[in-house]
Structures are given as C-alpha cells and as structure tokens.
Amino acid sequence: MIGRADRALLQAAERAGNLAWALGEVAAGQRRRWMYQMQTAVNLLYPVVILLMGAFVLWVMVALFSPPVELIHILT
C-alpha cells in the first residue's frame, strides 16, 4: 500500500511523536501521484478517442453519400 520511503517517514514520525503530520504528508503524496497517473492516462487516451470519433464521422459520411453516388452511376 505504501512505499519504502513513506514507510520510513512514518516510522521516523512515530518515533518523534509527529505521526499525524506524517500521515497527512503521505496521503497528500499518494493523492498527487494518483493525479499524475490519471493525467497521463487522459493524455494517452485523448488521441484514441479523437480518432474513434473521426472514424465514426467517416462512417456516417460514407453511409450518407454512397447511395446518391451509386444512383448517379446507375443513371449515367
């Protein structure tokens, strides 16, 4: 659940009698790391979502324009 550095910090804070402050710092650090991970995930997924939306728009455009194009080819 917690890393080596955090465990060492908590042990030192417990010996010094400052455990409440150390727990707050560890929680803030974990929250900050979680936010960085979420930001990285969003940055990686954003282009994928944009490409999927573009593929959907392409599919709709082909579906809308293929019948008239086929009709023009048949009539000419």
PDB file of N, CA and C in Angstrom:
ATOM      1  N   MET A   1       0.817  -1.187   0.000  1.00  0.00           N
ATOM      2  CA  MET A   1       0.000   0.000   0.000  1.00  0.00           C
ATOM      3  C   MET A   1       0.870   1.264   0.000  1.00  0.00           C
ATOM      4  N   ILE A   2       1.923   1.250   0.786  1.00  0.00           N
ATOM      5  CA  ILE A   2       2.818   2.409   0.816  1.00  0.00           C
ATOM      6  C   ILE A   2       4.221   1.947   0.453  1.00  0.00           C
ATOM      7  N   GLY A   3       4.994   2.857  -0.049  1.00  0.00           N
ATOM      8  CA  GLY A   3       6.355   2.531  -0.477  1.00  0.00           C
ATOM      9  C   GLY A   3       7.348   2.563   0.675  1.00  0.00           C
ATOM     10  N   ARG A   4       8.593   2.233   0.326  1.00  0.00           N
ATOM     11  CA  ARG A   4       9.660   2.217   1.328  1.00  0.00           C
ATOM     12  C   ARG A   4       9.894   3.590   1.951  1.00  0.00           C
ATOM     13  N   ALA A   5       9.928   4.586   1.105  1.00  0.00           N
ATOM     14  CA  ALA A   5      10.207   5.936   1.603  1.00  0.00           C
ATOM     15  C   ALA A   5       9.097   6.401   2.543  1.00  0.00           C
ATOM     16  N   ASP A   6       7.851   6.114   2.161  1.00  0.00           N
ATOM     17  CA  ASP A   6       6.737   6.505   3.025  1.00  0.00           C
ATOM     18  C   ASP A   6       6.756   5.741   4.341  1.00  0.00           C
ATOM     19  N   ARG A   7       7.097   4.451   4.265  1.00  0.00           N
ATOM     20  CA  ARG A   7       7.175   3.649   5.495  1.00  0.00           C
ATOM     21  C   ARG A   7       8.256   4.189   6.417  1.00  0.00           C
ATOM     22  N   ALA A   8       9.407   4.545   5.846  1.00  0.00           N
ATOM     23  CA  ALA A   8      10.489   5.096   6.658  1.00  0.00           C
ATOM     24  C   ALA A   8      10.072   6.430   7.275  1.00  0.00           C
ATOM     25  N   LEU A   9       9.362   7.252   6.506  1.00  0.00           N
ATOM     26  CA  LEU A   9       8.883   8.528   7.023  1.00  0.00           C
ATOM     27  C   LEU A   9       7.920   8.314   8.188  1.00  0.00           C
ATOM     28  N   LEU A  10       7.014   7.363   8.035  1.00  0.00           N
ATOM     29  CA  LEU A  10       6.035   7.098   9.106  1.00  0.00           C
ATOM     30  C   LEU A  10       6.703   6.534  10.351  1.00  0.00           C
ATOM     31  N   GLN A  11       7.692   5.676  10.169  1.00  0.00           N
ATOM     32  CA  GLN A  11       8.399   5.135  11.334  1.00  0.00           C
ATOM     33  C   GLN A  11       9.166   6.228  12.070  1.00  0.00           C
ATOM     34  N   ALA A  12       9.828   7.101  11.311  1.00  0.00           N
ATOM     35  CA  ALA A  12      10.563   8.196  11.942  1.00  0.00           C
ATOM     36  C   ALA A  12       9.602   9.155  12.643  1.00  0.00           C
ATOM     37  N   ALA A  13       8.467   9.430  12.022  1.00  0.00           N
ATOM     38  CA  ALA A  13       7.487  10.335  12.624  1.00  0.00           C
ATOM     39  C   ALA A  13       6.882   9.720  13.875  1.00  0.00           C
ATOM     40  N   GLU A  14       6.698   8.407  13.876  1.00  0.00           N
ATOM     41  CA  GLU A  14       6.160   7.750  15.068  1.00  0.00           C
ATOM     42  C   GLU A  14       7.143   7.851  16.231  1.00  0.00           C
ATOM     43  N   ARG A  15       8.415   7.672  15.924  1.00  0.00           N
ATOM     44  CA  ARG A  15       9.434   7.800  16.985  1.00  0.00           C
ATOM     45  C   ARG A  15       9.504   9.233  17.505  1.00  0.00           C
ATOM     46  N   ALA A  16       9.288  10.200  16.628  1.00  0.00           N
ATOM     47  CA  ALA A  16       9.379  11.600  17.028  1.00  0.00           C
ATOM     48  C   ALA A  16       8.071  12.113  17.624  1.00  0.00           C
ATOM     49  N   GLY A  17       7.008  11.319  17.515  1.00  0.00           N
ATOM     50  CA  GLY A  17       5.731  11.755  18.053  1.00  0.00           C
ATOM     51  C   GLY A  17       4.985  12.710  17.132  1.00  0.00           C
ATOM     52  N   ASN A  18       5.276  12.656  15.853  1.00  0.00           N
ATOM     53  CA  ASN A  18       4.673  13.574  14.881  1.00  0.00           C
ATOM     54  C   ASN A  18       3.952  12.785  13.791  1.00  0.00           C
ATOM     55  N   LEU A  19       3.227  11.752  14.201  1.00  0.00           N
ATOM     56  CA  LEU A  19       2.621  10.826  13.253  1.00  0.00           C
ATOM     57  C   LEU A  19       1.483  11.469  12.460  1.00  0.00           C
ATOM     58  N   ALA A  20       0.720  12.342  13.075  1.00  0.00           N
ATOM     59  CA  ALA A  20      -0.416  12.960  12.379  1.00  0.00           C
ATOM     60  C   ALA A  20       0.055  13.768  11.162  1.00  0.00           C
ATOM     61  N   TRP A  21       1.104  14.547  11.354  1.00  0.00           N
ATOM     62  CA  TRP A  21       1.640  15.331  10.237  1.00  0.00           C
ATOM     63  C   TRP A  21       2.145  14.407   9.134  1.00  0.00           C
ATOM     64  N   ALA A  22       2.870  13.343   9.503  1.00  0.00           N
ATOM     65  CA  ALA A  22       3.439  12.433   8.513  1.00  0.00           C
ATOM     66  C   ALA A  22       2.337  11.713   7.736  1.00  0.00           C
ATOM     67  N   LEU A  23       1.274  11.325   8.402  1.00  0.00           N
ATOM     68  CA  LEU A  23       0.158  10.677   7.706  1.00  0.00           C
ATOM     69  C   LEU A  23      -0.467  11.616   6.679  1.00  0.00           C
ATOM     70  N   GLY A  24      -0.591  12.886   7.049  1.00  0.00           N
ATOM     71  CA  GLY A  24      -1.113  13.874   6.105  1.00  0.00           C
ATOM     72  C   GLY A  24      -0.204  14.040   4.900  1.00  0.00           C
ATOM     73  N   GLU A  25       1.091  14.057   5.133  1.00  0.00           N
ATOM     74  CA  GLU A  25       2.048  14.194   4.028  1.00  0.00           C
ATOM     75  C   GLU A  25       2.035  12.976   3.110  1.00  0.00           C
ATOM     76  N   VAL A  26       1.954  11.794   3.704  1.00  0.00           N
ATOM     77  CA  VAL A  26       1.903  10.571   2.901  1.00  0.00           C
ATOM     78  C   VAL A  26       0.622  10.551   2.068  1.00  0.00           C
ATOM     79  N   ALA A  27      -0.495  10.935   2.679  1.00  0.00           N
ATOM     80  CA  ALA A  27      -1.760  10.973   1.941  1.00  0.00           C
ATOM     81  C   ALA A  27      -1.697  11.983   0.800  1.00  0.00           C
ATOM     82  N   ALA A  28      -1.121  13.136   1.053  1.00  0.00           N
ATOM     83  CA  ALA A  28      -1.003  14.153   0.001  1.00  0.00           C
ATOM     84  C   ALA A  28      -0.103  13.660  -1.125  1.00  0.00           C
ATOM     85  N   GLY A  29       0.966  12.984  -0.791  1.00  0.00           N
ATOM     86  CA  GLY A  29       1.869  12.452  -1.809  1.00  0.00           C
ATOM     87  C   GLY A  29       1.200  11.382  -2.656  1.00  0.00           C
ATOM     88  N   GLN A  30       0.434  10.509  -2.010  1.00  0.00           N
ATOM     89  CA  GLN A  30      -0.268   9.474  -2.771  1.00  0.00           C
ATOM     90  C   GLN A  30      -1.335  10.088  -3.666  1.00  0.00           C
ATOM     91  N   ARG A  31      -2.034  11.093  -3.165  1.00  0.00           N
ATOM     92  CA  ARG A  31      -3.040  11.781  -3.974  1.00  0.00           C
ATOM     93  C   ARG A  31      -2.387  12.455  -5.178  1.00  0.00           C
ATOM     94  N   ARG A  32      -1.231  13.073  -4.964  1.00  0.00           N
ATOM     95  CA  ARG A  32      -0.514  13.741  -6.044  1.00  0.00           C
ATOM     96  C   ARG A  32      -0.046  12.730  -7.097  1.00  0.00           C
ATOM     97  N   ARG A  33       0.473  11.581  -6.644  1.00  0.00           N
ATOM     98  CA  ARG A  33       0.897  10.548  -7.591  1.00  0.00           C
ATOM     99  C   ARG A  33      -0.288  10.005  -8.382  1.00  0.00           C
ATOM    100  N   TRP A  34      -1.424   9.832  -7.705  1.00  0.00           N
ATOM    101  CA  TRP A  34      -2.624   9.346  -8.386  1.00  0.00           C
ATOM    102  C   TRP A  34      -3.078  10.341  -9.455  1.00  0.00           C
ATOM    103  N   MET A  35      -3.016  11.626  -9.144  1.00  0.00           N
ATOM    104  CA  MET A  35      -3.410  12.655 -10.114  1.00  0.00           C
ATOM    105  C   MET A  35      -2.472  12.650 -11.326  1.00  0.00           C
ATOM    106  N   TYR A  36      -1.167  12.472 -11.106  1.00  0.00           N
ATOM    107  CA  TYR A  36      -0.228  12.392 -12.226  1.00  0.00           C
ATOM    108  C   TYR A  36      -0.539  11.186 -13.101  1.00  0.00           C
ATOM    109  N   GLN A  37      -0.864  10.054 -12.475  1.00  0.00           N
ATOM    110  CA  GLN A  37      -1.197   8.854 -13.244  1.00  0.00           C
ATOM    111  C   GLN A  37      -2.470   9.059 -14.052  1.00  0.00           C
ATOM    112  N   MET A  38      -3.470   9.677 -13.468  1.00  0.00           N
ATOM    113  CA  MET A  38      -4.712   9.939 -14.192  1.00  0.00           C
ATOM    114  C   MET A  38      -4.489  10.917 -15.339  1.00  0.00           C
ATOM    115  N   GLN A  39      -3.659  11.919 -15.112  1.00  0.00           N
ATOM    116  CA  GLN A  39      -3.354  12.885 -16.165  1.00  0.00           C
ATOM    117  C   GLN A  39      -2.628  12.195 -17.319  1.00  0.00           C
ATOM    118  N   THR A  40      -1.724  11.290 -17.008  1.00  0.00           N
ATOM    119  CA  THR A  40      -1.022  10.546 -18.046  1.00  0.00           C
ATOM    120  C   THR A  40      -1.994   9.669 -18.825  1.00  0.00           C
ATOM    121  N   ALA A  41      -2.904   9.009 -18.122  1.00  0.00           N
ATOM    122  CA  ALA A  41      -3.889   8.161 -18.790  1.00  0.00           C
ATOM    123  C   ALA A  41      -4.777   8.989 -19.722  1.00  0.00           C
ATOM    124  N   VAL A  42      -5.217  10.138 -19.265  1.00  0.00           N
ATOM    125  CA  VAL A  42      -6.055  11.001 -20.100  1.00  0.00           C
ATOM    126  C   VAL A  42      -5.267  11.471 -21.319  1.00  0.00           C
ATOM    127  N   ASN A  43      -4.011  11.844 -21.119  1.00  0.00           N
ATOM    128  CA  ASN A  43      -3.190  12.299 -22.242  1.00  0.00           C
ATOM    129  C   ASN A  43      -2.953  11.198 -23.264  1.00  0.00           C
ATOM    130  N   LEU A  44      -2.905   9.955 -22.819  1.00  0.00           N
ATOM    131  CA  LEU A  44      -2.720   8.850 -23.751  1.00  0.00           C
ATOM    132  C   LEU A  44      -4.020   8.470 -24.450  1.00  0.00           C
ATOM    133  N   LEU A  45      -5.138   8.573 -23.750  1.00  0.00           N
ATOM    134  CA  LEU A  45      -6.416   8.150 -24.321  1.00  0.00           C
ATOM    135  C   LEU A  45      -7.070   9.219 -25.203  1.00  0.00           C
ATOM    136  N   TYR A  46      -6.721  10.463 -25.014  1.00  0.00           N
ATOM    137  CA  TYR A  46      -7.343  11.545 -25.767  1.00  0.00           C
ATOM    138  C   TYR A  46      -7.197  11.367 -27.281  1.00  0.00           C
ATOM    139  N   PRO A  47      -5.995  11.113 -27.810  1.00  0.00           N
ATOM    140  CA  PRO A  47      -5.885  10.917 -29.262  1.00  0.00           C
ATOM    141  C   PRO A  47      -6.676   9.712 -29.755  1.00  0.00           C
ATOM    142  N   VAL A  48      -6.744   8.663 -28.960  1.00  0.00           N
ATOM    143  CA  VAL A  48      -7.508   7.476 -29.356  1.00  0.00           C
ATOM    144  C   VAL A  48      -8.985   7.828 -29.481  1.00  0.00           C
ATOM    145  N   VAL A  49      -9.513   8.580 -28.538  1.00  0.00           N
ATOM    146  CA  VAL A  49     -10.916   8.984 -28.584  1.00  0.00           C
ATOM    147  C   VAL A  49     -11.174   9.870 -29.796  1.00  0.00           C
ATOM    148  N   ILE A  50     -10.277  10.783 -30.080  1.00  0.00           N
ATOM    149  CA  ILE A  50     -10.431  11.660 -31.243  1.00  0.00           C
ATOM    150  C   ILE A  50     -10.429  10.840 -32.533  1.00  0.00           C
ATOM    151  N   LEU A  51      -9.537   9.861 -32.647  1.00  0.00           N
ATOM    152  CA  LEU A  51      -9.500   9.023 -33.841  1.00  0.00           C
ATOM    153  C   LEU A  51     -10.771   8.185 -33.976  1.00  0.00           C
ATOM    154  N   LEU A  52     -11.287   7.674 -32.879  1.00  0.00           N
ATOM    155  CA  LEU A  52     -12.535   6.911 -32.926  1.00  0.00           C
ATOM    156  C   LEU A  52     -13.701   7.788 -33.362  1.00  0.00           C
ATOM    157  N   MET A  53     -13.739   9.010 -32.864  1.00  0.00           N
ATOM    158  CA  MET A  53     -14.797   9.928 -33.282  1.00  0.00           C
ATOM    159  C   MET A  53     -14.672  10.254 -34.769  1.00  0.00           C
ATOM    160  N   GLY A  54     -13.460  10.440 -35.246  1.00  0.00           N
ATOM    161  CA  GLY A  54     -13.234  10.693 -36.657  1.00  0.00           C
ATOM    162  C   GLY A  54     -13.655   9.514 -37.523  1.00  0.00           C
ATOM    163  N   ALA A  55     -13.366   8.294 -37.053  1.00  0.00           N
ATOM    164  CA  ALA A  55     -13.786   7.100 -37.790  1.00  0.00           C
ATOM    165  C   ALA A  55     -15.302   7.007 -37.850  1.00  0.00           C
ATOM    166  N   PHE A  56     -15.964   7.355 -36.766  1.00  0.00           N
ATOM    167  CA  PHE A  56     -17.428   7.343 -36.758  1.00  0.00           C
ATOM    168  C   PHE A  56     -17.989   8.367 -37.745  1.00  0.00           C
ATOM    169  N   VAL A  57     -17.429   9.561 -37.763  1.00  0.00           N
ATOM    170  CA  VAL A  57     -17.884  10.595 -38.699  1.00  0.00           C
ATOM    171  C   VAL A  57     -17.647  10.135 -40.141  1.00  0.00           C
ATOM    172  N   LEU A  58     -16.501   9.520 -40.404  1.00  0.00           N
ATOM    173  CA  LEU A  58     -16.220   8.990 -41.740  1.00  0.00           C
ATOM    174  C   LEU A  58     -17.258   7.939 -42.125  1.00  0.00           C
ATOM    175  N   TRP A  59     -17.579   7.051 -41.218  1.00  0.00           N
ATOM    176  CA  TRP A  59     -18.571   6.007 -41.481  1.00  0.00           C
ATOM    177  C   TRP A  59     -19.942   6.618 -41.809  1.00  0.00           C
ATOM    178  N   VAL A  60     -20.329   7.632 -41.050  1.00  0.00           N
ATOM    179  CA  VAL A  60     -21.613   8.291 -41.308  1.00  0.00           C
ATOM    180  C   VAL A  60     -21.591   8.971 -42.671  1.00  0.00           C
ATOM    181  N   MET A  61     -20.516   9.636 -43.006  1.00  0.00           N
ATOM    182  CA  MET A  61     -20.432  10.337 -44.290  1.00  0.00           C
ATOM    183  C   MET A  61     -20.474   9.349 -45.454  1.00  0.00           C
ATOM    184  N   VAL A  62     -19.795   8.241 -45.333  1.00  0.00           N
ATOM    185  CA  VAL A  62     -19.831   7.227 -46.393  1.00  0.00           C
ATOM    186  C   VAL A  62     -21.234   6.658 -46.506  1.00  0.00           C
ATOM    187  N   ALA A  63     -21.886   6.420 -45.373  1.00  0.00           N
ATOM    188  CA  ALA A  63     -23.244   5.882 -45.394  1.00  0.00           C
ATOM    189  C   ALA A  63     -24.224   6.871 -46.025  1.00  0.00           C
ATOM    190  N   LEU A  64     -24.011   8.145 -45.823  1.00  0.00           N
ATOM    191  CA  LEU A  64     -24.914   9.142 -46.385  1.00  0.00           C
ATOM    192  C   LEU A  64     -24.676   9.385 -47.871  1.00  0.00           C
ATOM    193  N   PHE A  65     -23.422   9.347 -48.302  1.00  0.00           N
ATOM    194  CA  PHE A  65     -23.113   9.724 -49.682  1.00  0.00           C
ATOM    195  C   PHE A  65     -22.975   8.550 -50.643  1.00  0.00           C
ATOM    196  N   SER A  66     -22.889   7.317 -50.161  1.00  0.00           N
ATOM    197  CA  SER A  66     -22.780   6.206 -51.106  1.00  0.00           C
ATOM    198  C   SER A  66     -24.043   5.984 -51.919  1.00  0.00           C
ATOM    199  N   PRO A  67     -25.237   6.012 -51.337  1.00  0.00           N
ATOM    200  CA  PRO A  67     -26.423   5.799 -52.179  1.00  0.00           C
ATOM    201  C   PRO A  67     -26.583   6.831 -53.296  1.00  0.00           C
ATOM    202  N   PRO A  68     -26.420   8.123 -53.046  1.00  0.00           N
ATOM    203  CA  PRO A  68     -26.535   9.060 -54.175  1.00  0.00           C
ATOM    204  C   PRO A  68     -25.464   8.837 -55.242  1.00  0.00           C
ATOM    205  N   VAL A  69     -24.264   8.488 -54.846  1.00  0.00           N
ATOM    206  CA  VAL A  69     -23.193   8.248 -55.820  1.00  0.00           C
ATOM    207  C   VAL A  69     -23.534   7.025 -56.661  1.00  0.00           C
ATOM    208  N   GLU A  70     -24.020   5.963 -56.018  1.00  0.00           N
ATOM    209  CA  GLU A  70     -24.435   4.767 -56.763  1.00  0.00           C
ATOM    210  C   GLU A  70     -25.576   5.096 -57.720  1.00  0.00           C
ATOM    211  N   LEU A  71     -26.527   5.888 -57.286  1.00  0.00           N
ATOM    212  CA  LEU A  71     -27.659   6.276 -58.127  1.00  0.00           C
ATOM    213  C   LEU A  71     -27.177   7.078 -59.329  1.00  0.00           C
ATOM    214  N   ILE A  72     -26.235   7.978 -59.129  1.00  0.00           N
ATOM    215  CA  ILE A  72     -25.673   8.769 -60.239  1.00  0.00           C
ATOM    216  C   ILE A  72     -24.967   7.847 -61.221  1.00  0.00           C
ATOM    217  N   HIS A  73     -24.219   6.865 -60.724  1.00  0.00           N
ATOM    218  CA  HIS A  73     -23.539   5.936 -61.621  1.00  0.00           C
ATOM    219  C   HIS A  73     -24.538   5.103 -62.422  1.00  0.00           C
ATOM    220  N   ILE A  74     -25.623   4.696 -61.785  1.00  0.00           N
ATOM    221  CA  ILE A  74     -26.620   3.880 -62.488  1.00  0.00           C
ATOM    222  C   ILE A  74     -27.331   4.709 -63.557  1.00  0.00           C
ATOM    223  N   LEU A  75     -27.630   5.964 -63.262  1.00  0.00           N
ATOM    224  CA  LEU A  75     -28.381   6.799 -64.180  1.00  0.00           C
ATOM    225  C   LEU A  75     -27.541   7.359 -65.331  1.00  0.00           C
ATOM    226  N   THR A  76     -26.225   7.320 -65.210  1.00  0.00           N
ATOM    227  CA  THR A  76     -25.398   7.895 -66.289  1.00  0.00           C
ATOM    228  C   THR A  76     -24.898   6.840 -67.235  1.00  0.00           C
TER     229      THR A  76
END
